[in-house]
């Protein structure tokens, strides 16, 4: 559905759990919101906005980690349920401005547990052996300009600011 429209048509979705927005905003009063709905809004725009909102929150987290730890991040390795959505992976790459590496293994948690057990028992001698076993399904690279990425980010920051310090009356 998200790929059936060219954009969100101005719709933004801010995902927030019952505890508000955590890192890097730390506002327990923040509420999730849908912004920009109009008569021209279709369900496809909302679906796309929800998926983009997830990616924007990941960008918030990644940028906060980079800033707090002062470490460079060149690519993100993803796996699990939502990583099966090709739209999410491409948009995440676009909005982060970095490569997204999707694992070919559908059960990476189980594989990780097996790797740790194998290392602990001596089945594998080193982490380097494990790197040869790990397979990449696809690498997503940014497809949007830096200018568009910045404009989208600025709109997102505005949406977040509008959602902070929510007074529940």
Protein backbone atom coordinates (compact mmCIF):
# COMPACT_ATOMS: atom_id res chain seq x y z
CA UNK A 1 0.00 0.00 0.00
CA UNK A 2 2.80 2.44 0.88
CA UNK A 3 4.33 2.01 -2.57
CA UNK A 4 1.00 2.62 -4.32
CA UNK A 5 1.29 6.38 -3.63
CA UNK A 6 4.21 8.71 -4.36
CA UNK A 7 4.18 10.37 -0.93
CA UNK A 8 2.20 10.71 2.28
CA UNK A 9 0.46 13.75 0.73
CA UNK A 10 1.54 15.80 3.75
CA UNK A 11 0.41 13.28 6.36
CA UNK A 12 2.78 12.55 9.27
CA UNK A 13 2.41 9.92 11.97
CA UNK A 14 4.27 10.18 15.27
CA UNK A 15 4.38 6.79 16.98
CA UNK A 16 4.32 7.04 20.75
CA UNK A 17 3.63 4.44 23.40
CA UNK A 18 1.84 5.07 26.66
CA UNK A 19 5.07 6.39 28.16
CA UNK A 20 5.40 9.29 25.69
CA UNK A 21 8.55 9.85 23.66
CA UNK A 22 11.76 8.41 25.00
CA UNK A 23 15.30 9.03 23.80
CA UNK A 24 16.34 11.60 22.68
CA UNK A 25 13.28 13.73 23.62
CA UNK A 26 12.47 12.34 27.07
CA UNK A 27 8.93 13.65 27.32
CA UNK A 28 6.53 11.31 29.11
CA UNK A 29 3.60 13.62 28.28
CA UNK A 30 4.12 13.41 24.50
CA UNK A 31 1.33 11.72 22.58
CA UNK A 32 1.28 9.95 19.25
CA UNK A 33 -0.37 11.96 16.53
CA UNK A 34 -1.48 11.94 12.93
CA UNK A 35 -0.94 15.31 11.26
CA UNK A 36 -1.91 16.69 7.89
CA UNK A 37 -5.09 14.77 7.14
CA UNK A 38 -7.29 16.42 4.51
CA UNK A 39 -10.14 15.47 2.21
CA UNK A 40 -7.49 14.30 -0.28
CA UNK A 41 -6.00 11.84 2.23
CA UNK A 42 -6.39 8.18 1.31
CA UNK A 43 -5.73 5.16 3.49
CA UNK A 44 -2.57 4.56 1.46
CA UNK A 45 -1.22 7.94 2.57
CA UNK A 46 -1.87 7.04 6.20
CA UNK A 47 -0.21 3.62 5.84
CA UNK A 48 2.82 5.25 4.24
CA UNK A 49 2.92 7.92 6.99
CA UNK A 50 2.87 5.21 9.68
CA UNK A 51 5.80 3.40 8.08
CA UNK A 52 7.71 6.65 7.56
CA UNK A 53 7.01 7.58 11.20
CA UNK A 54 8.70 4.37 12.34
CA UNK A 55 11.73 5.27 10.22
CA UNK A 56 11.84 8.84 11.53
CA UNK A 57 11.84 7.52 15.11
CA UNK A 58 14.70 5.18 14.23
CA UNK A 59 16.55 8.20 12.82
CA UNK A 60 15.93 10.03 16.11
CA UNK A 61 17.49 7.12 17.99
CA UNK A 62 20.45 6.68 15.64
CA UNK A 63 21.27 10.40 15.63
CA UNK A 64 20.97 10.54 19.41
CA UNK A 65 23.32 7.59 19.82
CA UNK A 66 25.84 9.10 17.39
CA UNK A 67 25.71 12.41 19.25
CA UNK A 68 25.85 10.97 22.77
CA UNK A 69 28.57 8.41 22.09
CA UNK A 70 30.44 10.45 19.48
CA UNK A 71 30.89 7.42 17.23
CA UNK A 72 30.47 7.22 13.48
CA UNK A 73 27.76 4.96 12.08
CA UNK A 74 28.21 4.06 8.43
CA UNK A 75 25.48 1.46 8.00
CA UNK A 76 22.68 -0.22 9.88
CA UNK A 77 22.14 -3.98 9.88
CA UNK A 78 18.49 -4.98 10.14
CA UNK A 79 16.49 -8.13 10.69
CA UNK A 80 13.19 -9.22 12.14
CA UNK A 81 9.55 -8.62 11.29
CA UNK A 82 9.32 -5.05 10.02
CA UNK A 83 12.55 -5.53 8.05
CA UNK A 84 10.57 -7.70 5.65
CA UNK A 85 8.96 -4.51 4.34
CA UNK A 86 11.02 -3.24 1.40
CA UNK A 87 9.44 0.23 1.58
CA UNK A 88 10.57 0.62 5.20
CA UNK A 89 14.14 -0.41 4.39
CA UNK A 90 14.44 1.95 1.43
CA UNK A 91 12.88 4.88 3.29
CA UNK A 92 15.10 4.19 6.30
CA UNK A 93 18.15 4.31 4.04
CA UNK A 94 16.86 7.51 2.43
CA UNK A 95 16.14 9.32 5.68
CA UNK A 96 19.31 8.16 7.46
CA UNK A 97 21.48 8.82 4.42
CA UNK A 98 23.30 5.53 4.91
CA UNK A 99 23.31 1.91 3.83
CA UNK A 100 20.81 -0.51 5.32
CA UNK A 101 21.97 -4.12 5.25
CA UNK A 102 19.15 -6.68 5.41
CA UNK A 103 19.94 -10.12 6.79
CA UNK A 104 19.11 -13.13 4.65
CA UNK A 105 18.37 -15.18 7.77
CA UNK A 106 14.69 -15.04 8.78
CA UNK A 107 15.52 -16.03 12.41
CA UNK A 108 18.52 -13.92 13.42
CA UNK A 109 17.74 -14.12 17.15
CA UNK A 110 17.98 -17.91 17.09
CA UNK A 111 21.10 -17.71 14.94
CA UNK A 112 22.69 -15.28 17.42
CA UNK A 113 21.96 -17.64 20.30
CA UNK A 114 23.49 -20.50 18.32
CA UNK A 115 26.55 -18.36 17.54
CA UNK A 116 27.07 -17.54 21.23
CA UNK A 117 26.65 -21.18 22.26
CA UNK A 118 28.99 -22.32 19.51
CA UNK A 119 31.66 -19.83 20.54
CA UNK A 120 31.30 -20.76 24.23
CA UNK A 121 31.66 -24.50 23.51
CA UNK A 122 34.48 -24.10 21.03
CA UNK A 123 32.41 -25.23 18.03
CA UNK A 124 33.55 -22.01 16.35
CA UNK A 125 37.01 -20.71 17.16
CA UNK A 126 36.43 -17.00 16.52
CA UNK A 127 33.92 -14.31 15.61
CA UNK A 128 35.62 -14.13 12.21
CA UNK A 129 34.27 -17.61 11.40
CA UNK A 130 30.76 -16.36 12.18
CA UNK A 131 31.12 -13.44 9.78
CA UNK A 132 31.55 -15.97 6.96
CA UNK A 133 28.27 -17.66 7.91
CA UNK A 134 26.18 -14.49 8.10
CA UNK A 135 24.50 -13.77 4.76
CA UNK A 136 23.13 -10.47 3.47
CA UNK A 137 19.88 -10.47 1.52
CA UNK A 138 20.13 -6.94 0.13
CA UNK A 139 21.84 -3.63 0.74
CA UNK A 140 19.65 -0.53 0.45
CA UNK A 141 21.34 2.75 -0.45
CA UNK A 142 19.95 6.30 -0.19
CA UNK A 143 17.95 7.37 -3.25
CA UNK A 144 17.02 10.94 -2.24
CA UNK A 145 19.04 14.15 -2.23
CA UNK A 146 20.56 15.64 0.89
CA UNK A 147 18.29 18.67 0.42
CA UNK A 148 15.12 16.52 0.42
CA UNK A 149 16.41 14.53 3.40
CA UNK A 150 16.97 17.79 5.33
CA UNK A 151 13.52 19.14 4.43
CA UNK A 152 11.83 15.90 5.52
CA UNK A 153 13.83 15.92 8.76
CA UNK A 154 12.89 19.54 9.50
CA UNK A 155 9.20 18.73 8.97
CA UNK A 156 9.57 15.76 11.31
CA UNK A 157 11.20 17.87 14.02
CA UNK A 158 8.29 20.32 13.72
CA UNK A 159 5.79 17.45 14.15
CA UNK A 160 7.64 16.19 17.23
CA UNK A 161 7.74 19.69 18.74
CA UNK A 162 3.96 19.98 18.30
CA UNK A 163 3.49 16.70 20.20
CA UNK A 164 5.63 17.44 23.24
CA UNK A 165 4.28 18.65 26.59
CA UNK A 166 0.78 17.40 25.84
CA UNK A 167 -1.75 18.53 28.41
CA UNK A 168 -4.38 15.87 28.99
CA UNK A 169 -7.52 17.76 30.03
